[in-house]
């Protein structure tokens, strides 16, 4: 019902419904309330709601809190929230807005910390930022350490630059991405040799 009201631009009614549900203990409604508030300028109230939910252990609150903090400019707070989740596991994929904000600000150390905590969005953002900055040594090191995004970018760079010997060495060492790219190189049809027309 609240979603329907919001979609019909009946914001105050939607907020009233969600507040009533949240006060009755509906954590999902509280999250939706926070999202709706944030979308319409009520960031401080939204943050307070999400902090309360996160403190109570509601599993879906911490990454929403981290993302909203990042969008509001509090990158330190956002990173602290993410790193405080030792058992987040697959949920770390939900912090893409944090990683995007960190990359936009060039905050390599924070991206490294999140990537090392196994956040896939952070790993991807870090790999792209390293490539943009020309830091190929770290990009290669992260590829060697098993970073999927780093391996993808580094191996693609090897292929583009014609460094096929290194690409082949990586494939032989068990790098599946390098192996796949090498197979593509081998399978590429040779360019047809230009034909000459004999004149009589």
N, C-alpha and C. Protein backbone atom coordinates (compact mmCIF):
# COMPACT_ATOMS: atom_id res chain seq x y z
N UNK A 1 0.82 -1.21 0.00
CA UNK A 1 0.00 0.00 0.00
C UNK A 1 0.85 1.26 0.00
N UNK A 2 1.89 1.27 0.85
CA UNK A 2 2.77 2.43 0.92
C UNK A 2 3.45 2.67 -0.43
N UNK A 3 3.87 1.59 -1.08
CA UNK A 3 4.52 1.72 -2.39
C UNK A 3 3.55 2.34 -3.39
N UNK A 4 2.30 1.89 -3.37
CA UNK A 4 1.29 2.42 -4.27
C UNK A 4 1.06 3.90 -4.02
N UNK A 5 0.97 4.27 -2.76
CA UNK A 5 0.76 5.68 -2.42
C UNK A 5 1.93 6.53 -2.89
N UNK A 6 3.14 6.04 -2.68
CA UNK A 6 4.31 6.80 -3.09
C UNK A 6 4.35 6.96 -4.60
N UNK A 7 3.97 5.90 -5.32
CA UNK A 7 3.98 5.95 -6.78
C UNK A 7 2.93 6.92 -7.30
N UNK A 8 1.93 7.23 -6.48
CA UNK A 8 0.88 8.17 -6.87
C UNK A 8 1.15 9.57 -6.33
N UNK A 9 2.39 9.80 -5.89
CA UNK A 9 2.79 11.10 -5.34
C UNK A 9 2.03 11.47 -4.08
N UNK A 10 1.57 10.47 -3.36
CA UNK A 10 0.89 10.74 -2.08
C UNK A 10 1.89 10.42 -0.97
N UNK A 11 2.95 11.24 -0.95
CA UNK A 11 4.10 10.98 -0.10
C UNK A 11 3.75 10.96 1.38
N UNK A 12 3.04 11.96 1.85
CA UNK A 12 2.75 12.04 3.28
C UNK A 12 1.94 10.83 3.75
N UNK A 13 1.00 10.40 2.92
CA UNK A 13 0.21 9.22 3.29
C UNK A 13 1.09 7.98 3.34
N UNK A 14 2.00 7.87 2.37
CA UNK A 14 2.91 6.72 2.34
C UNK A 14 3.80 6.70 3.58
N UNK A 15 4.30 7.88 3.95
CA UNK A 15 5.16 7.97 5.14
C UNK A 15 4.39 7.60 6.41
N UNK A 16 3.15 8.03 6.46
CA UNK A 16 2.32 7.72 7.63
C UNK A 16 2.12 6.22 7.77
N UNK A 17 1.82 5.56 6.66
CA UNK A 17 1.62 4.12 6.67
C UNK A 17 2.90 3.40 7.10
N UNK A 18 4.02 3.81 6.53
CA UNK A 18 5.29 3.16 6.83
C UNK A 18 5.71 3.40 8.27
N UNK A 19 5.47 4.60 8.78
CA UNK A 19 5.82 4.89 10.19
C UNK A 19 5.00 4.01 11.13
N UNK A 20 3.74 3.84 10.80
CA UNK A 20 2.88 3.01 11.64
C UNK A 20 3.39 1.57 11.66
N UNK A 21 3.75 1.07 10.50
CA UNK A 21 4.27 -0.30 10.42
C UNK A 21 5.61 -0.43 11.13
N UNK A 22 6.47 0.57 10.95
CA UNK A 22 7.79 0.54 11.59
C UNK A 22 7.65 0.55 13.11
N UNK A 23 6.77 1.38 13.60
CA UNK A 23 6.55 1.45 15.05
C UNK A 23 6.00 0.14 15.61
N UNK A 24 5.33 -0.63 14.74
CA UNK A 24 4.79 -1.92 15.17
C UNK A 24 5.83 -3.03 15.08
N UNK A 25 7.07 -2.66 14.66
CA UNK A 25 8.15 -3.63 14.62
C UNK A 25 8.46 -4.22 13.27
N UNK A 26 7.87 -3.69 12.22
CA UNK A 26 8.12 -4.19 10.87
C UNK A 26 9.43 -3.57 10.36
N UNK A 27 10.51 -4.36 10.40
CA UNK A 27 11.82 -3.84 10.03
C UNK A 27 11.93 -3.53 8.54
N UNK A 28 11.29 -4.34 7.72
CA UNK A 28 11.28 -4.08 6.29
C UNK A 28 10.61 -2.76 5.97
N UNK A 29 9.51 -2.48 6.64
CA UNK A 29 8.82 -1.20 6.45
C UNK A 29 9.69 -0.04 6.92
N UNK A 30 10.43 -0.26 8.00
CA UNK A 30 11.33 0.79 8.50
C UNK A 30 12.41 1.11 7.48
N UNK A 31 12.94 0.06 6.83
CA UNK A 31 13.94 0.27 5.77
C UNK A 31 13.34 1.06 4.61
N UNK A 32 12.13 0.69 4.22
CA UNK A 32 11.47 1.40 3.13
C UNK A 32 11.19 2.84 3.52
N UNK A 33 10.82 3.06 4.78
CA UNK A 33 10.60 4.41 5.28
C UNK A 33 11.87 5.23 5.15
N UNK A 34 13.00 4.64 5.54
CA UNK A 34 14.28 5.34 5.45
C UNK A 34 14.61 5.68 4.00
N UNK A 35 14.39 4.74 3.11
CA UNK A 35 14.68 4.98 1.70
C UNK A 35 13.82 6.12 1.14
N UNK A 36 12.55 6.10 1.50
CA UNK A 36 11.63 7.12 1.00
C UNK A 36 11.99 8.50 1.56
N UNK A 37 12.35 8.53 2.83
CA UNK A 37 12.78 9.80 3.43
C UNK A 37 14.02 10.34 2.75
N UNK A 38 14.99 9.45 2.52
CA UNK A 38 16.24 9.88 1.88
C UNK A 38 15.99 10.41 0.47
N UNK A 39 15.08 9.78 -0.24
CA UNK A 39 14.76 10.20 -1.61
C UNK A 39 14.13 11.59 -1.65
N UNK A 40 13.54 12.00 -0.53
CA UNK A 40 12.84 13.29 -0.51
C UNK A 40 13.44 14.27 0.49
N UNK A 41 14.74 14.14 0.72
CA UNK A 41 15.46 15.15 1.51
C UNK A 41 15.54 14.90 3.00
N UNK A 42 14.92 13.83 3.47
CA UNK A 42 14.98 13.56 4.91
C UNK A 42 16.13 12.65 5.29
N UNK A 43 17.34 13.03 4.88
CA UNK A 43 18.50 12.16 5.05
C UNK A 43 18.81 11.91 6.52
N UNK A 44 18.77 12.93 7.35
CA UNK A 44 19.13 12.76 8.76
C UNK A 44 18.19 11.77 9.46
N UNK A 45 16.90 11.91 9.21
CA UNK A 45 15.95 10.97 9.82
C UNK A 45 16.17 9.56 9.27
N UNK A 46 16.45 9.48 7.97
CA UNK A 46 16.70 8.17 7.36
C UNK A 46 17.92 7.51 7.98
N UNK A 47 18.98 8.28 8.19
CA UNK A 47 20.19 7.74 8.80
C UNK A 47 19.92 7.24 10.22
N UNK A 48 19.13 8.01 10.96
CA UNK A 48 18.80 7.62 12.34
C UNK A 48 18.03 6.30 12.36
N UNK A 49 17.10 6.15 11.43
CA UNK A 49 16.32 4.91 11.36
C UNK A 49 17.22 3.73 11.03
N UNK A 50 18.09 3.92 10.03
CA UNK A 50 18.96 2.82 9.60
C UNK A 50 19.99 2.47 10.68
N UNK A 51 20.48 3.47 11.39
CA UNK A 51 21.42 3.18 12.49
C UNK A 51 20.74 2.33 13.56
N UNK A 52 19.50 2.68 13.87
CA UNK A 52 18.77 1.91 14.87
C UNK A 52 18.56 0.47 14.43
N UNK A 53 18.22 0.30 13.15
CA UNK A 53 18.02 -1.05 12.63
C UNK A 53 19.32 -1.84 12.61
N UNK A 54 20.40 -1.17 12.20
CA UNK A 54 21.70 -1.85 12.16
C UNK A 54 22.14 -2.26 13.56
N UNK A 55 21.94 -1.37 14.52
CA UNK A 55 22.33 -1.67 15.91
C UNK A 55 21.52 -2.83 16.48
N UNK A 56 20.29 -2.98 15.99
CA UNK A 56 19.44 -4.07 16.48
C UNK A 56 19.74 -5.39 15.78
N UNK A 57 20.63 -5.33 14.77
CA UNK A 57 21.04 -6.55 14.09
C UNK A 57 20.25 -6.90 12.84
N UNK A 58 19.42 -5.99 12.36
CA UNK A 58 18.65 -6.28 11.15
C UNK A 58 19.61 -6.37 9.96
N UNK A 59 19.62 -7.51 9.31
CA UNK A 59 20.67 -7.83 8.34
C UNK A 59 20.70 -6.91 7.12
N UNK A 60 19.57 -6.35 6.74
CA UNK A 60 19.52 -5.54 5.52
C UNK A 60 19.79 -4.06 5.77
N UNK A 61 20.05 -3.69 7.02
CA UNK A 61 20.18 -2.27 7.34
C UNK A 61 21.59 -1.74 7.15
N UNK A 62 22.61 -2.56 7.46
CA UNK A 62 23.96 -2.00 7.49
C UNK A 62 24.43 -1.51 6.13
N UNK A 63 24.14 -2.27 5.05
CA UNK A 63 24.64 -1.82 3.75
C UNK A 63 23.82 -0.63 3.24
N UNK A 64 22.54 -0.57 3.60
CA UNK A 64 21.77 0.62 3.23
C UNK A 64 22.30 1.84 3.97
N UNK A 65 22.68 1.65 5.23
CA UNK A 65 23.26 2.74 6.01
C UNK A 65 24.59 3.17 5.38
N UNK A 66 25.44 2.22 5.05
CA UNK A 66 26.74 2.54 4.45
C UNK A 66 26.57 3.29 3.13
N UNK A 67 25.66 2.83 2.29
CA UNK A 67 25.44 3.48 1.00
C UNK A 67 24.91 4.89 1.17
N UNK A 68 24.00 5.07 2.11
CA UNK A 68 23.44 6.41 2.32
C UNK A 68 24.49 7.35 2.89
N UNK A 69 25.33 6.86 3.77
CA UNK A 69 26.42 7.68 4.30
C UNK A 69 27.35 8.12 3.16
N UNK A 70 27.67 7.19 2.27
CA UNK A 70 28.54 7.52 1.14
C UNK A 70 27.90 8.56 0.24
N UNK A 71 26.62 8.37 -0.05
CA UNK A 71 25.91 9.32 -0.90
C UNK A 71 25.81 10.70 -0.24
N UNK A 72 25.82 10.71 1.10
CA UNK A 72 25.74 11.96 1.85
C UNK A 72 27.12 12.58 2.08
N UNK A 73 28.17 11.91 1.60
CA UNK A 73 29.51 12.47 1.70
C UNK A 73 30.35 11.99 2.87
N UNK A 74 29.79 11.14 3.71
CA UNK A 74 30.53 10.63 4.86
C UNK A 74 31.19 9.30 4.48
N UNK A 75 32.29 9.39 3.73
CA UNK A 75 32.94 8.19 3.25
C UNK A 75 33.63 7.41 4.37
N UNK A 76 34.20 8.15 5.34
CA UNK A 76 34.83 7.46 6.47
C UNK A 76 33.81 6.62 7.23
N UNK A 77 32.64 7.21 7.47
CA UNK A 77 31.60 6.49 8.17
C UNK A 77 31.11 5.29 7.39
N UNK A 78 31.00 5.45 6.06
CA UNK A 78 30.54 4.35 5.22
C UNK A 78 31.52 3.18 5.25
N UNK A 79 32.81 3.49 5.12
CA UNK A 79 33.84 2.45 5.13
C UNK A 79 33.85 1.74 6.48
N UNK A 80 33.73 2.51 7.56
CA UNK A 80 33.74 1.92 8.90
C UNK A 80 32.58 0.94 9.08
N UNK A 81 31.42 1.30 8.55
CA UNK A 81 30.26 0.41 8.65
C UNK A 81 30.53 -0.90 7.92
N UNK A 82 31.07 -0.82 6.70
CA UNK A 82 31.30 -2.02 5.91
C UNK A 82 32.35 -2.92 6.58
N UNK A 83 33.44 -2.32 7.03
CA UNK A 83 34.52 -3.11 7.62
C UNK A 83 34.14 -3.70 8.97
N UNK A 84 33.05 -3.20 9.54
CA UNK A 84 32.59 -3.75 10.83
C UNK A 84 31.69 -4.96 10.65
N UNK A 85 31.59 -5.45 9.40
CA UNK A 85 30.73 -6.61 9.12
C UNK A 85 31.60 -7.82 8.80
N UNK A 86 32.15 -8.51 9.79
CA UNK A 86 33.08 -9.61 9.53
C UNK A 86 32.46 -10.81 8.82
N UNK A 87 31.17 -10.95 8.92
CA UNK A 87 30.51 -12.11 8.30
C UNK A 87 29.52 -11.69 7.23
N UNK A 88 29.82 -10.59 6.56
CA UNK A 88 28.89 -10.06 5.56
C UNK A 88 28.78 -10.98 4.35
N UNK A 89 29.88 -11.61 3.98
CA UNK A 89 29.85 -12.56 2.86
C UNK A 89 29.33 -11.94 1.58
N UNK A 90 28.36 -12.61 0.96
CA UNK A 90 27.82 -12.16 -0.31
C UNK A 90 27.13 -10.81 -0.24
N UNK A 91 26.74 -10.39 0.96
CA UNK A 91 26.06 -9.09 1.08
C UNK A 91 26.97 -7.93 0.72
N UNK A 92 28.30 -8.16 0.68
CA UNK A 92 29.22 -7.09 0.32
C UNK A 92 29.01 -6.61 -1.11
N UNK A 93 28.31 -7.40 -1.92
CA UNK A 93 28.02 -6.97 -3.28
C UNK A 93 27.06 -5.78 -3.27
N UNK A 94 26.38 -5.55 -2.16
CA UNK A 94 25.38 -4.48 -2.07
C UNK A 94 25.97 -3.11 -1.77
N UNK A 95 27.29 -3.02 -1.65
CA UNK A 95 27.89 -1.72 -1.31
C UNK A 95 28.51 -1.04 -2.52
N UNK A 96 27.96 -1.29 -3.70
CA UNK A 96 28.49 -0.65 -4.90
C UNK A 96 28.49 0.88 -4.82
N UNK A 97 27.45 1.53 -4.24
CA UNK A 97 27.51 3.00 -4.14
C UNK A 97 28.69 3.49 -3.31
N UNK A 98 29.06 2.74 -2.28
CA UNK A 98 30.23 3.12 -1.47
C UNK A 98 31.48 3.05 -2.33
N UNK A 99 31.65 1.96 -3.05
CA UNK A 99 32.83 1.78 -3.90
C UNK A 99 32.89 2.84 -4.99
N UNK A 100 31.76 3.16 -5.58
CA UNK A 100 31.72 4.19 -6.63
C UNK A 100 32.16 5.54 -6.09
N UNK A 101 31.67 5.88 -4.89
CA UNK A 101 32.05 7.16 -4.28
C UNK A 101 33.53 7.20 -3.94
N UNK A 102 34.05 6.10 -3.45
CA UNK A 102 35.47 6.03 -3.12
C UNK A 102 36.33 6.17 -4.37
N UNK A 103 35.92 5.51 -5.45
CA UNK A 103 36.67 5.60 -6.70
C UNK A 103 36.64 7.02 -7.25
N UNK A 104 35.47 7.66 -7.17
CA UNK A 104 35.34 9.04 -7.66
C UNK A 104 36.25 9.98 -6.88
N UNK A 105 36.45 9.67 -5.61
CA UNK A 105 37.31 10.50 -4.78
C UNK A 105 38.76 10.06 -4.79
N UNK A 106 39.08 9.01 -5.56
CA UNK A 106 40.45 8.54 -5.65
C UNK A 106 40.99 7.96 -4.36
N UNK A 107 40.11 7.41 -3.53
CA UNK A 107 40.51 6.93 -2.21
C UNK A 107 40.98 5.47 -2.30
N UNK A 108 42.22 5.32 -2.75
CA UNK A 108 42.77 3.99 -3.00
C UNK A 108 42.86 3.15 -1.74
N UNK A 109 43.30 3.74 -0.65
CA UNK A 109 43.47 2.95 0.58
C UNK A 109 42.16 2.36 1.06
N UNK A 110 41.09 3.15 1.00
CA UNK A 110 39.78 2.65 1.43
C UNK A 110 39.29 1.56 0.48
N UNK A 111 39.51 1.76 -0.82
CA UNK A 111 39.11 0.73 -1.78
C UNK A 111 39.90 -0.55 -1.56
N UNK A 112 41.18 -0.41 -1.25
CA UNK A 112 42.00 -1.60 -0.96
C UNK A 112 41.43 -2.35 0.24
N UNK A 113 41.07 -1.59 1.27
CA UNK A 113 40.55 -2.22 2.49
C UNK A 113 39.27 -3.00 2.20
N UNK A 114 38.37 -2.41 1.42
CA UNK A 114 37.12 -3.10 1.10
C UNK A 114 37.35 -4.26 0.15
N UNK A 115 38.26 -4.09 -0.81
CA UNK A 115 38.56 -5.18 -1.72
C UNK A 115 39.17 -6.35 -0.96
N UNK A 116 40.04 -6.05 -0.02
CA UNK A 116 40.66 -7.12 0.78
C UNK A 116 39.65 -7.80 1.68
N UNK A 117 38.53 -7.10 1.96
CA UNK A 117 37.46 -7.70 2.75
C UNK A 117 36.51 -8.51 1.87
N UNK A 118 36.87 -8.65 0.59
CA UNK A 118 36.12 -9.45 -0.38
C UNK A 118 34.85 -8.77 -0.89
N UNK A 119 34.91 -7.44 -0.99
CA UNK A 119 33.79 -6.73 -1.62
C UNK A 119 34.04 -6.69 -3.12
N UNK A 120 33.21 -7.36 -3.89
CA UNK A 120 33.40 -7.41 -5.33
C UNK A 120 33.30 -6.03 -5.98
N UNK A 121 32.30 -5.18 -5.61
CA UNK A 121 32.26 -3.85 -6.21
C UNK A 121 33.53 -3.05 -5.94
N UNK A 122 34.08 -3.18 -4.72
CA UNK A 122 35.31 -2.46 -4.39
C UNK A 122 36.47 -3.00 -5.21
N UNK A 123 36.53 -4.32 -5.37
CA UNK A 123 37.59 -4.91 -6.18
C UNK A 123 37.53 -4.40 -7.62
N UNK A 124 36.32 -4.32 -8.16
CA UNK A 124 36.15 -3.84 -9.53
C UNK A 124 36.54 -2.37 -9.65
N UNK A 125 36.08 -1.55 -8.71
CA UNK A 125 36.40 -0.13 -8.74
C UNK A 125 37.90 0.09 -8.59
N UNK A 126 38.52 -0.66 -7.69
CA UNK A 126 39.96 -0.53 -7.47
C UNK A 126 40.73 -0.92 -8.72
N UNK A 127 40.35 -2.02 -9.34
CA UNK A 127 41.05 -2.47 -10.55
C UNK A 127 40.97 -1.42 -11.65
N UNK A 128 39.80 -0.86 -11.86
CA UNK A 128 39.65 0.16 -12.90
C UNK A 128 40.46 1.41 -12.57
N UNK A 129 40.48 1.79 -11.29
CA UNK A 129 41.23 2.98 -10.89
C UNK A 129 42.73 2.75 -11.06
N UNK A 130 43.20 1.56 -10.72
CA UNK A 130 44.62 1.25 -10.91
C UNK A 130 44.99 1.29 -12.39
N UNK A 131 44.12 0.76 -13.23
CA UNK A 131 44.39 0.79 -14.66
C UNK A 131 44.43 2.22 -15.18
N UNK A 132 43.45 3.04 -14.74
CA UNK A 132 43.40 4.44 -15.18
C UNK A 132 44.66 5.20 -14.76
N UNK A 133 45.18 4.87 -13.58
CA UNK A 133 46.36 5.57 -13.07
C UNK A 133 47.67 4.97 -13.59
N UNK A 134 47.57 3.89 -14.32
CA UNK A 134 48.76 3.26 -14.85
C UNK A 134 49.57 2.48 -13.83
N UNK A 135 48.94 2.12 -12.73
CA UNK A 135 49.63 1.35 -11.69
C UNK A 135 49.50 -0.14 -12.02
N UNK A 136 50.23 -0.54 -13.03
CA UNK A 136 50.10 -1.91 -13.52
C UNK A 136 50.76 -2.93 -12.60
N UNK A 137 51.72 -2.48 -11.79
CA UNK A 137 52.38 -3.40 -10.86
C UNK A 137 51.38 -3.91 -9.83
N UNK A 138 50.61 -3.00 -9.24
CA UNK A 138 49.61 -3.43 -8.26
C UNK A 138 48.48 -4.18 -8.94
N UNK A 139 48.11 -3.74 -10.14
CA UNK A 139 47.05 -4.44 -10.87
C UNK A 139 47.46 -5.89 -11.11
N UNK A 140 48.71 -6.08 -11.51
CA UNK A 140 49.21 -7.44 -11.75
C UNK A 140 49.27 -8.22 -10.43
N UNK A 141 49.74 -7.57 -9.38
CA UNK A 141 49.83 -8.26 -8.09
C UNK A 141 48.47 -8.74 -7.62
N UNK A 142 47.45 -7.91 -7.82
CA UNK A 142 46.10 -8.31 -7.41
C UNK A 142 45.56 -9.41 -8.32
N UNK A 143 45.93 -9.37 -9.57
CA UNK A 143 45.55 -10.45 -10.48
C UNK A 143 46.21 -11.76 -10.05
N UNK A 144 47.50 -11.67 -9.69
CA UNK A 144 48.23 -12.86 -9.25
C UNK A 144 47.66 -13.43 -7.96
N UNK A 145 47.08 -12.54 -7.14
CA UNK A 145 46.52 -12.97 -5.85
C UNK A 145 45.11 -13.54 -6.00
N UNK A 146 44.60 -13.58 -7.22
CA UNK A 146 43.29 -14.16 -7.44
C UNK A 146 42.17 -13.17 -7.63
N UNK A 147 42.50 -11.89 -7.75
CA UNK A 147 41.47 -10.88 -7.96
C UNK A 147 40.88 -11.00 -9.36
N UNK A 148 39.62 -11.33 -9.44
CA UNK A 148 38.99 -11.59 -10.75
C UNK A 148 38.97 -10.34 -11.62
N UNK A 149 38.55 -9.21 -11.05
CA UNK A 149 38.47 -7.98 -11.83
C UNK A 149 39.86 -7.54 -12.28
N UNK A 150 40.84 -7.62 -11.40
CA UNK A 150 42.20 -7.25 -11.75
C UNK A 150 42.74 -8.15 -12.85
N UNK A 151 42.47 -9.44 -12.73
CA UNK A 151 42.94 -10.39 -13.74
C UNK A 151 42.32 -10.08 -15.10
N UNK A 152 41.04 -9.77 -15.10
CA UNK A 152 40.37 -9.46 -16.35
C UNK A 152 40.98 -8.25 -17.05
N UNK A 153 41.21 -7.19 -16.28
CA UNK A 153 41.77 -5.97 -16.86
C UNK A 153 43.22 -6.15 -17.28
N UNK A 154 44.00 -6.82 -16.43
CA UNK A 154 45.43 -6.97 -16.73
C UNK A 154 45.64 -7.87 -17.95
N UNK A 155 44.92 -8.97 -18.00
CA UNK A 155 45.07 -9.87 -19.14
C UNK A 155 44.59 -9.23 -20.44
N UNK A 156 43.51 -8.44 -20.34
CA UNK A 156 43.03 -7.73 -21.53
C UNK A 156 44.07 -6.72 -22.01
N UNK A 157 44.74 -6.09 -21.06
CA UNK A 157 45.80 -5.15 -21.41
C UNK A 157 46.95 -5.87 -22.13
N UNK A 158 47.30 -7.06 -21.63
CA UNK A 158 48.36 -7.84 -22.28
C UNK A 158 47.97 -8.18 -23.72
N UNK A 159 46.73 -8.55 -23.90
CA UNK A 159 46.28 -8.89 -25.26
C UNK A 159 46.32 -7.67 -26.17
N UNK A 160 45.80 -6.54 -25.67
CA UNK A 160 45.76 -5.33 -26.50
C UNK A 160 47.16 -4.86 -26.89
N UNK A 161 48.10 -5.01 -25.97
CA UNK A 161 49.45 -4.51 -26.22
C UNK A 161 50.34 -5.54 -26.91
N UNK A 162 49.76 -6.70 -27.23
CA UNK A 162 50.51 -7.71 -27.95
C UNK A 162 51.53 -8.47 -27.12
N UNK A 163 51.38 -8.41 -25.81
CA UNK A 163 52.34 -9.12 -24.93
C UNK A 163 51.85 -10.56 -24.73
N UNK A 164 51.87 -11.29 -25.82
CA UNK A 164 51.28 -12.63 -25.81
C UNK A 164 52.12 -13.64 -25.05
N UNK A 165 53.43 -13.42 -24.99
CA UNK A 165 54.28 -14.35 -24.23
C UNK A 165 53.89 -14.33 -22.75
N UNK A 166 53.66 -13.12 -22.21
CA UNK A 166 53.26 -13.02 -20.80
C UNK A 166 51.85 -13.57 -20.61
N UNK A 167 50.97 -13.30 -21.58
CA UNK A 167 49.61 -13.84 -21.51
C UNK A 167 49.66 -15.37 -21.52
N UNK A 168 50.53 -15.92 -22.36
CA UNK A 168 50.67 -17.38 -22.44
C UNK A 168 51.22 -17.95 -21.13
N UNK A 169 52.18 -17.24 -20.53
CA UNK A 169 52.76 -17.69 -19.27
C UNK A 169 51.70 -17.70 -18.16
N UNK A 170 50.85 -16.70 -18.16
CA UNK A 170 49.80 -16.64 -17.15
C UNK A 170 48.80 -17.78 -17.37
N UNK A 171 48.48 -18.06 -18.61
CA UNK A 171 47.57 -19.16 -18.91
C UNK A 171 48.16 -20.49 -18.44
N UNK A 172 49.43 -20.67 -18.69
CA UNK A 172 50.10 -21.91 -18.28
C UNK A 172 50.18 -22.04 -16.76
N UNK A 173 50.15 -20.89 -16.08
CA UNK A 173 50.20 -20.89 -14.61
C UNK A 173 48.83 -21.12 -13.99
N UNK A 174 47.81 -21.25 -14.84
CA UNK A 174 46.48 -21.55 -14.33
C UNK A 174 45.50 -20.40 -14.32
N UNK A 175 45.87 -19.27 -14.94
CA UNK A 175 44.97 -18.12 -15.00
C UNK A 175 43.91 -18.42 -16.08
N UNK A 176 42.69 -18.69 -15.64
CA UNK A 176 41.63 -19.07 -16.58
C UNK A 176 41.28 -17.94 -17.55
N UNK A 177 41.31 -16.71 -17.05
CA UNK A 177 40.98 -15.57 -17.92
C UNK A 177 42.03 -15.44 -19.02
N UNK A 178 43.31 -15.56 -18.63
CA UNK A 178 44.38 -15.50 -19.62
C UNK A 178 44.24 -16.63 -20.63
N UNK A 179 43.88 -17.80 -20.15
CA UNK A 179 43.68 -18.96 -21.02
C UNK A 179 42.58 -18.70 -22.04
N UNK A 180 41.47 -18.11 -21.57
CA UNK A 180 40.34 -17.82 -22.46
C UNK A 180 40.73 -16.79 -23.51
N UNK A 181 41.45 -15.74 -23.08
CA UNK A 181 41.86 -14.70 -24.03
C UNK A 181 42.85 -15.27 -25.05
N UNK A 182 43.73 -16.13 -24.59
CA UNK A 182 44.71 -16.72 -25.50
C UNK A 182 44.02 -17.59 -26.55
N UNK A 183 43.01 -18.32 -26.12
CA UNK A 183 42.24 -19.13 -27.06
C UNK A 183 41.58 -18.26 -28.12
N UNK A 184 41.10 -17.09 -27.70
CA UNK A 184 40.47 -16.17 -28.65
C UNK A 184 41.49 -15.66 -29.67
N UNK A 185 42.70 -15.37 -29.17
CA UNK A 185 43.76 -14.89 -30.07
C UNK A 185 44.08 -15.95 -31.11
N UNK A 186 44.22 -17.19 -30.65
CA UNK A 186 44.56 -18.29 -31.55
C UNK A 186 43.45 -18.52 -32.58
N UNK A 187 42.21 -18.34 -32.12
CA UNK A 187 41.06 -18.62 -32.99
C UNK A 187 40.78 -17.51 -33.98
N UNK A 188 41.38 -16.34 -33.78
CA UNK A 188 41.11 -15.24 -34.69
C UNK A 188 41.59 -15.58 -36.10
N UNK A 189 40.74 -15.37 -37.08
CA UNK A 189 41.16 -15.67 -38.46
C UNK A 189 42.30 -14.74 -38.89
N UNK A 190 43.22 -15.31 -39.61
CA UNK A 190 44.31 -14.48 -40.11
C UNK A 190 43.78 -13.52 -41.15
N UNK A 191 44.35 -12.37 -41.12
CA UNK A 191 43.91 -11.40 -42.13
C UNK A 191 44.31 -11.89 -43.52
N UNK A 192 43.37 -11.73 -44.38
CA UNK A 192 43.64 -12.19 -45.76
C UNK A 192 44.76 -11.34 -46.35
N UNK A 193 45.71 -12.03 -47.02
CA UNK A 193 46.80 -11.32 -47.63
C UNK A 193 46.28 -10.57 -48.85
N UNK A 194 46.73 -9.37 -49.03
CA UNK A 194 46.24 -8.61 -50.20
C UNK A 194 46.64 -9.31 -51.50
N UNK A 195 45.69 -9.34 -52.39
CA UNK A 195 45.97 -9.98 -53.69
C UNK A 195 46.39 -8.94 -54.70
N UNK A 196 47.24 -9.32 -55.59
CA UNK A 196 47.69 -8.39 -56.64
C UNK A 196 47.15 -8.86 -57.97
N UNK A 197 46.75 -7.97 -58.77
CA UNK A 197 46.22 -8.29 -60.10
C UNK A 197 47.33 -8.16 -61.12
N UNK A 198 47.58 -9.23 -61.80
CA UNK A 198 48.63 -9.19 -62.83
C UNK A 198 48.14 -8.46 -64.07
N UNK A 199 48.99 -7.64 -64.57
CA UNK A 199 48.64 -6.94 -65.80
C UNK A 199 49.28 -7.67 -66.98
N UNK A 200 48.58 -7.76 -68.04
CA UNK A 200 49.07 -8.45 -69.23
C UNK A 200 49.57 -7.45 -70.24
